[in-house]
N, C-alpha and C. Protein backbone atom coordinates (compact mmCIF):
# COMPACT_ATOMS: atom_id res chain seq x y z
N MET A 1 26.90 19.98 3.55
CA MET A 1 25.53 19.59 3.77
C MET A 1 24.72 20.81 4.18
N GLN A 2 23.60 21.02 3.53
CA GLN A 2 22.77 22.17 3.84
C GLN A 2 21.94 21.90 5.10
N PRO A 3 21.82 22.91 5.95
CA PRO A 3 20.97 22.73 7.13
C PRO A 3 19.52 22.56 6.70
N THR A 4 18.79 21.77 7.45
CA THR A 4 17.38 21.58 7.12
C THR A 4 16.51 22.23 8.19
N TRP A 5 15.39 22.68 7.77
CA TRP A 5 14.43 23.35 8.65
C TRP A 5 13.08 22.66 8.45
N ASP A 6 12.27 22.68 9.47
CA ASP A 6 10.95 22.08 9.34
C ASP A 6 9.87 23.12 9.62
N HIS A 7 8.63 22.68 9.64
CA HIS A 7 7.51 23.60 9.78
C HIS A 7 6.96 23.65 11.20
N ARG A 8 7.65 23.01 12.15
CA ARG A 8 7.12 22.98 13.51
C ARG A 8 7.25 24.31 14.23
N ALA A 9 8.18 25.15 13.80
CA ALA A 9 8.41 26.45 14.45
C ALA A 9 9.04 27.39 13.43
N PRO A 10 8.96 28.71 13.70
CA PRO A 10 9.62 29.65 12.79
C PRO A 10 11.12 29.34 12.69
N ILE A 11 11.69 29.63 11.54
CA ILE A 11 13.10 29.29 11.31
C ILE A 11 14.01 30.02 12.29
N TYR A 12 13.70 31.27 12.61
CA TYR A 12 14.58 31.99 13.55
C TYR A 12 14.62 31.25 14.89
N GLN A 13 13.47 30.67 15.28
CA GLN A 13 13.42 29.94 16.55
C GLN A 13 14.23 28.65 16.47
N GLN A 14 14.15 27.97 15.33
CA GLN A 14 14.94 26.75 15.14
C GLN A 14 16.42 27.08 15.16
N LEU A 15 16.80 28.20 14.54
CA LEU A 15 18.21 28.61 14.55
C LEU A 15 18.64 28.95 15.98
N ALA A 16 17.79 29.66 16.71
CA ALA A 16 18.13 29.98 18.11
C ALA A 16 18.33 28.69 18.90
N GLU A 17 17.51 27.67 18.66
CA GLU A 17 17.67 26.39 19.36
C GLU A 17 18.99 25.73 18.98
N ARG A 18 19.36 25.80 17.71
CA ARG A 18 20.64 25.20 17.29
C ARG A 18 21.82 25.94 17.91
N LEU A 19 21.73 27.26 17.95
CA LEU A 19 22.83 28.02 18.56
C LEU A 19 22.89 27.77 20.06
N ALA A 20 21.73 27.62 20.69
CA ALA A 20 21.70 27.29 22.12
C ALA A 20 22.33 25.92 22.35
N ALA A 21 22.07 24.98 21.47
CA ALA A 21 22.67 23.65 21.60
C ALA A 21 24.19 23.75 21.49
N ARG A 22 24.67 24.61 20.61
CA ARG A 22 26.11 24.81 20.49
C ARG A 22 26.69 25.40 21.77
N LEU A 23 25.92 26.28 22.41
CA LEU A 23 26.36 26.83 23.70
C LEU A 23 26.42 25.74 24.76
N LEU A 24 25.39 24.90 24.80
CA LEU A 24 25.36 23.81 25.77
C LEU A 24 26.50 22.84 25.55
N ASP A 25 26.83 22.57 24.31
CA ASP A 25 27.91 21.64 23.99
C ASP A 25 29.29 22.24 24.22
N GLY A 26 29.35 23.53 24.54
CA GLY A 26 30.63 24.18 24.78
C GLY A 26 31.35 24.56 23.49
N GLU A 27 30.65 24.44 22.38
CA GLU A 27 31.26 24.81 21.09
C GLU A 27 31.53 26.31 21.02
N ILE A 28 30.65 27.06 21.66
CA ILE A 28 30.83 28.51 21.79
C ILE A 28 30.97 28.77 23.29
N ALA A 29 32.13 29.22 23.71
CA ALA A 29 32.41 29.37 25.15
C ALA A 29 31.86 30.67 25.70
N GLU A 30 31.64 30.67 27.02
CA GLU A 30 31.22 31.90 27.68
C GLU A 30 32.31 32.95 27.54
N GLY A 31 31.89 34.18 27.31
CA GLY A 31 32.83 35.26 27.13
C GLY A 31 33.34 35.38 25.70
N GLN A 32 33.03 34.39 24.90
CA GLN A 32 33.48 34.39 23.50
C GLN A 32 32.49 35.18 22.64
N ALA A 33 33.00 35.80 21.61
CA ALA A 33 32.15 36.52 20.66
C ALA A 33 31.35 35.52 19.83
N MET A 34 30.10 35.84 19.61
CA MET A 34 29.29 35.02 18.70
C MET A 34 29.76 35.28 17.28
N PRO A 35 29.61 34.30 16.41
CA PRO A 35 29.89 34.55 15.00
C PRO A 35 29.00 35.70 14.51
N SER A 36 29.48 36.43 13.55
CA SER A 36 28.72 37.58 13.04
C SER A 36 27.45 37.12 12.32
N VAL A 37 26.53 38.06 12.16
CA VAL A 37 25.30 37.78 11.42
C VAL A 37 25.66 37.30 10.02
N ARG A 38 26.61 37.96 9.42
CA ARG A 38 27.02 37.58 8.07
C ARG A 38 27.56 36.15 8.03
N ALA A 39 28.41 35.81 9.00
CA ALA A 39 28.98 34.46 9.03
C ALA A 39 27.90 33.41 9.24
N LEU A 40 26.98 33.69 10.18
CA LEU A 40 25.90 32.73 10.44
C LEU A 40 24.96 32.63 9.25
N SER A 41 24.70 33.75 8.59
CA SER A 41 23.84 33.73 7.40
C SER A 41 24.44 32.83 6.33
N GLY A 42 25.74 32.94 6.14
CA GLY A 42 26.41 32.10 5.16
C GLY A 42 26.45 30.64 5.58
N GLN A 43 26.69 30.40 6.86
CA GLN A 43 26.78 29.03 7.36
C GLN A 43 25.44 28.31 7.27
N TYR A 44 24.35 29.00 7.64
CA TYR A 44 23.04 28.35 7.69
C TYR A 44 22.18 28.67 6.46
N LEU A 45 22.73 29.44 5.54
CA LEU A 45 22.02 29.79 4.30
C LEU A 45 20.68 30.46 4.59
N LEU A 46 20.73 31.46 5.47
CA LEU A 46 19.52 32.17 5.87
C LEU A 46 19.67 33.66 5.62
N ASN A 47 18.52 34.32 5.55
CA ASN A 47 18.49 35.76 5.42
C ASN A 47 19.09 36.38 6.69
N PRO A 48 19.90 37.43 6.56
CA PRO A 48 20.48 38.07 7.75
C PRO A 48 19.44 38.53 8.77
N LEU A 49 18.25 38.92 8.30
CA LEU A 49 17.21 39.34 9.24
C LEU A 49 16.75 38.17 10.12
N THR A 50 16.69 36.99 9.53
CA THR A 50 16.31 35.80 10.29
C THR A 50 17.37 35.50 11.33
N VAL A 51 18.64 35.61 10.95
CA VAL A 51 19.74 35.37 11.88
C VAL A 51 19.71 36.41 13.00
N SER A 52 19.49 37.66 12.64
CA SER A 52 19.43 38.73 13.65
C SER A 52 18.32 38.46 14.65
N ARG A 53 17.20 37.97 14.16
CA ARG A 53 16.07 37.68 15.06
C ARG A 53 16.41 36.52 16.00
N ALA A 54 17.12 35.52 15.50
CA ALA A 54 17.54 34.40 16.35
C ALA A 54 18.50 34.88 17.43
N LEU A 55 19.43 35.73 17.05
CA LEU A 55 20.38 36.26 18.03
C LEU A 55 19.68 37.14 19.06
N ALA A 56 18.68 37.90 18.59
CA ALA A 56 17.91 38.73 19.52
C ALA A 56 17.16 37.85 20.52
N ALA A 57 16.64 36.73 20.05
CA ALA A 57 15.94 35.80 20.96
C ALA A 57 16.89 35.27 22.02
N LEU A 58 18.11 34.97 21.63
CA LEU A 58 19.10 34.48 22.61
C LEU A 58 19.48 35.60 23.58
N GLY A 59 19.52 36.82 23.08
CA GLY A 59 19.80 37.97 23.94
C GLY A 59 18.67 38.19 24.95
N GLU A 60 17.42 38.06 24.46
CA GLU A 60 16.26 38.22 25.35
C GLU A 60 16.22 37.12 26.40
N ALA A 61 16.77 35.96 26.07
CA ALA A 61 16.82 34.85 27.03
C ALA A 61 17.96 35.03 28.03
N GLY A 62 18.73 36.10 27.89
CA GLY A 62 19.81 36.38 28.82
C GLY A 62 21.09 35.62 28.53
N LEU A 63 21.21 35.07 27.33
CA LEU A 63 22.39 34.28 27.00
C LEU A 63 23.50 35.11 26.35
N LEU A 64 23.11 36.19 25.69
CA LEU A 64 24.08 37.01 24.97
C LEU A 64 24.01 38.45 25.48
N GLU A 65 25.13 39.13 25.34
CA GLU A 65 25.15 40.55 25.66
C GLU A 65 25.81 41.30 24.51
N SER A 66 25.31 42.49 24.28
CA SER A 66 25.86 43.32 23.22
C SER A 66 26.94 44.21 23.80
N ARG A 67 28.09 44.20 23.16
CA ARG A 67 29.17 45.10 23.56
C ARG A 67 29.34 46.14 22.46
N ARG A 68 29.09 47.36 22.86
CA ARG A 68 29.08 48.45 21.89
C ARG A 68 30.34 48.45 21.01
N GLY A 69 30.08 48.41 19.73
CA GLY A 69 31.17 48.47 18.76
C GLY A 69 31.92 47.16 18.58
N LEU A 70 31.58 46.14 19.37
CA LEU A 70 32.31 44.87 19.30
C LEU A 70 31.46 43.71 18.81
N GLY A 71 30.16 43.74 19.11
CA GLY A 71 29.28 42.65 18.69
C GLY A 71 28.62 41.96 19.86
N LEU A 72 28.16 40.75 19.63
CA LEU A 72 27.46 39.98 20.65
C LEU A 72 28.41 38.96 21.27
N TYR A 73 28.33 38.85 22.58
CA TYR A 73 29.18 37.92 23.33
C TYR A 73 28.31 37.03 24.21
N VAL A 74 28.81 35.84 24.48
CA VAL A 74 28.12 34.93 25.37
C VAL A 74 28.33 35.41 26.80
N ARG A 75 27.23 35.58 27.52
CA ARG A 75 27.30 36.10 28.89
C ARG A 75 27.92 35.07 29.83
N PRO A 76 28.63 35.54 30.83
CA PRO A 76 29.12 34.61 31.86
C PRO A 76 27.92 33.93 32.54
N GLY A 77 28.01 32.64 32.75
CA GLY A 77 26.93 31.89 33.39
C GLY A 77 25.84 31.46 32.43
N ALA A 78 25.96 31.84 31.16
CA ALA A 78 24.91 31.51 30.17
C ALA A 78 24.72 30.01 30.03
N ARG A 79 25.81 29.29 30.00
CA ARG A 79 25.72 27.84 29.79
C ARG A 79 24.98 27.16 30.96
N GLN A 80 25.33 27.54 32.17
CA GLN A 80 24.69 26.96 33.34
C GLN A 80 23.20 27.34 33.39
N ASN A 81 22.88 28.59 33.10
CA ASN A 81 21.48 29.02 33.08
C ASN A 81 20.69 28.29 32.00
N LEU A 82 21.31 28.14 30.85
CA LEU A 82 20.64 27.45 29.74
C LEU A 82 20.42 25.98 30.09
N ARG A 83 21.43 25.35 30.68
CA ARG A 83 21.30 23.94 31.06
C ARG A 83 20.17 23.77 32.08
N HIS A 84 20.10 24.68 33.05
CA HIS A 84 19.05 24.61 34.05
C HIS A 84 17.67 24.76 33.41
N SER A 85 17.49 25.75 32.56
CA SER A 85 16.17 25.96 31.96
C SER A 85 15.80 24.82 31.01
N GLU A 86 16.77 24.30 30.25
CA GLU A 86 16.48 23.18 29.34
C GLU A 86 16.16 21.92 30.13
N ARG A 87 16.85 21.73 31.24
CA ARG A 87 16.58 20.57 32.09
C ARG A 87 15.17 20.65 32.67
N GLN A 88 14.78 21.81 33.15
CA GLN A 88 13.43 21.99 33.69
C GLN A 88 12.38 21.76 32.62
N ARG A 89 12.63 22.28 31.43
CA ARG A 89 11.68 22.10 30.33
C ARG A 89 11.54 20.62 29.98
N PHE A 90 12.67 19.91 29.95
CA PHE A 90 12.62 18.48 29.62
C PHE A 90 11.84 17.72 30.70
N LEU A 91 12.18 17.95 31.96
CA LEU A 91 11.55 17.19 33.05
C LEU A 91 10.06 17.47 33.18
N HIS A 92 9.64 18.69 32.88
CA HIS A 92 8.23 19.04 33.07
C HIS A 92 7.39 18.97 31.80
N THR A 93 8.03 19.05 30.64
CA THR A 93 7.26 19.06 29.40
C THR A 93 7.48 17.81 28.56
N GLU A 94 8.72 17.43 28.36
CA GLU A 94 9.02 16.33 27.44
C GLU A 94 9.00 14.96 28.12
N TRP A 95 9.48 14.87 29.36
CA TRP A 95 9.61 13.58 30.02
C TRP A 95 8.26 12.91 30.30
N PRO A 96 7.25 13.59 30.82
CA PRO A 96 6.00 12.88 31.12
C PRO A 96 5.40 12.13 29.93
N PRO A 97 5.26 12.74 28.75
CA PRO A 97 4.71 11.94 27.64
C PRO A 97 5.68 10.86 27.16
N LEU A 98 6.97 11.10 27.27
CA LEU A 98 7.95 10.09 26.88
C LEU A 98 7.88 8.89 27.83
N ARG A 99 7.79 9.17 29.12
CA ARG A 99 7.68 8.10 30.12
C ARG A 99 6.42 7.28 29.87
N GLU A 100 5.32 7.95 29.55
CA GLU A 100 4.07 7.25 29.27
C GLU A 100 4.21 6.36 28.04
N ARG A 101 4.87 6.86 27.03
CA ARG A 101 5.07 6.07 25.80
C ARG A 101 5.95 4.86 26.08
N LEU A 102 6.99 5.03 26.89
CA LEU A 102 7.86 3.90 27.26
C LEU A 102 7.06 2.84 28.01
N ARG A 103 6.21 3.28 28.92
CA ARG A 103 5.37 2.31 29.65
C ARG A 103 4.45 1.57 28.70
N ARG A 104 3.83 2.33 27.80
CA ARG A 104 2.88 1.74 26.85
C ARG A 104 3.56 0.69 25.98
N LEU A 105 4.82 0.93 25.63
CA LEU A 105 5.57 0.01 24.77
C LEU A 105 6.33 -1.04 25.57
N ASP A 106 6.17 -1.02 26.90
CA ASP A 106 6.82 -1.98 27.79
C ASP A 106 8.34 -1.95 27.61
N ILE A 107 8.88 -0.75 27.58
CA ILE A 107 10.33 -0.56 27.48
C ILE A 107 10.85 -0.21 28.87
N ALA A 108 11.71 -1.05 29.40
CA ALA A 108 12.28 -0.86 30.73
C ALA A 108 13.60 -0.09 30.63
N PRO A 109 14.05 0.52 31.74
CA PRO A 109 15.33 1.23 31.71
C PRO A 109 16.48 0.34 31.22
N ALA A 110 16.44 -0.95 31.53
CA ALA A 110 17.51 -1.85 31.09
C ALA A 110 17.53 -2.03 29.57
N ASP A 111 16.41 -1.72 28.91
CA ASP A 111 16.35 -1.84 27.45
C ASP A 111 16.99 -0.65 26.74
N LEU A 112 17.26 0.40 27.51
CA LEU A 112 17.78 1.64 26.90
C LEU A 112 19.28 1.72 27.08
N THR A 113 19.92 2.37 26.15
CA THR A 113 21.36 2.57 26.23
C THR A 113 21.69 4.01 25.86
N TRP A 114 22.79 4.53 26.38
CA TRP A 114 23.21 5.89 26.08
C TRP A 114 24.01 5.94 24.79
N GLU A 115 24.47 4.79 24.34
CA GLU A 115 25.32 4.74 23.15
C GLU A 115 24.47 4.80 21.89
N ASP A 116 25.04 5.37 20.84
CA ASP A 116 24.34 5.47 19.55
C ASP A 116 24.28 4.15 18.85
């Protein structure tokens, strides 16, 4: 299945979000090497420059570190830092309009389930 991209944000940013989600899910462990640009380009069917830009964004966010001659690695503590920042973003940016929409639709907590 080919990955899909939308027009809400630049593709490199969407890829960075997907890779961050993989970090949060523990799919890529701390201290582990990130897949190479070539591997990610093939996996996501993207230009290597786009993949490099996504990895640079994760590096700028403090999630990855470059090891000379070895590649990019997930920094120790990256998962916890990412979880904290994503949690703050959700609580302050996404939750207020979602809560308002739930109220407007008269959806109570008992109406919601965690299961798919």
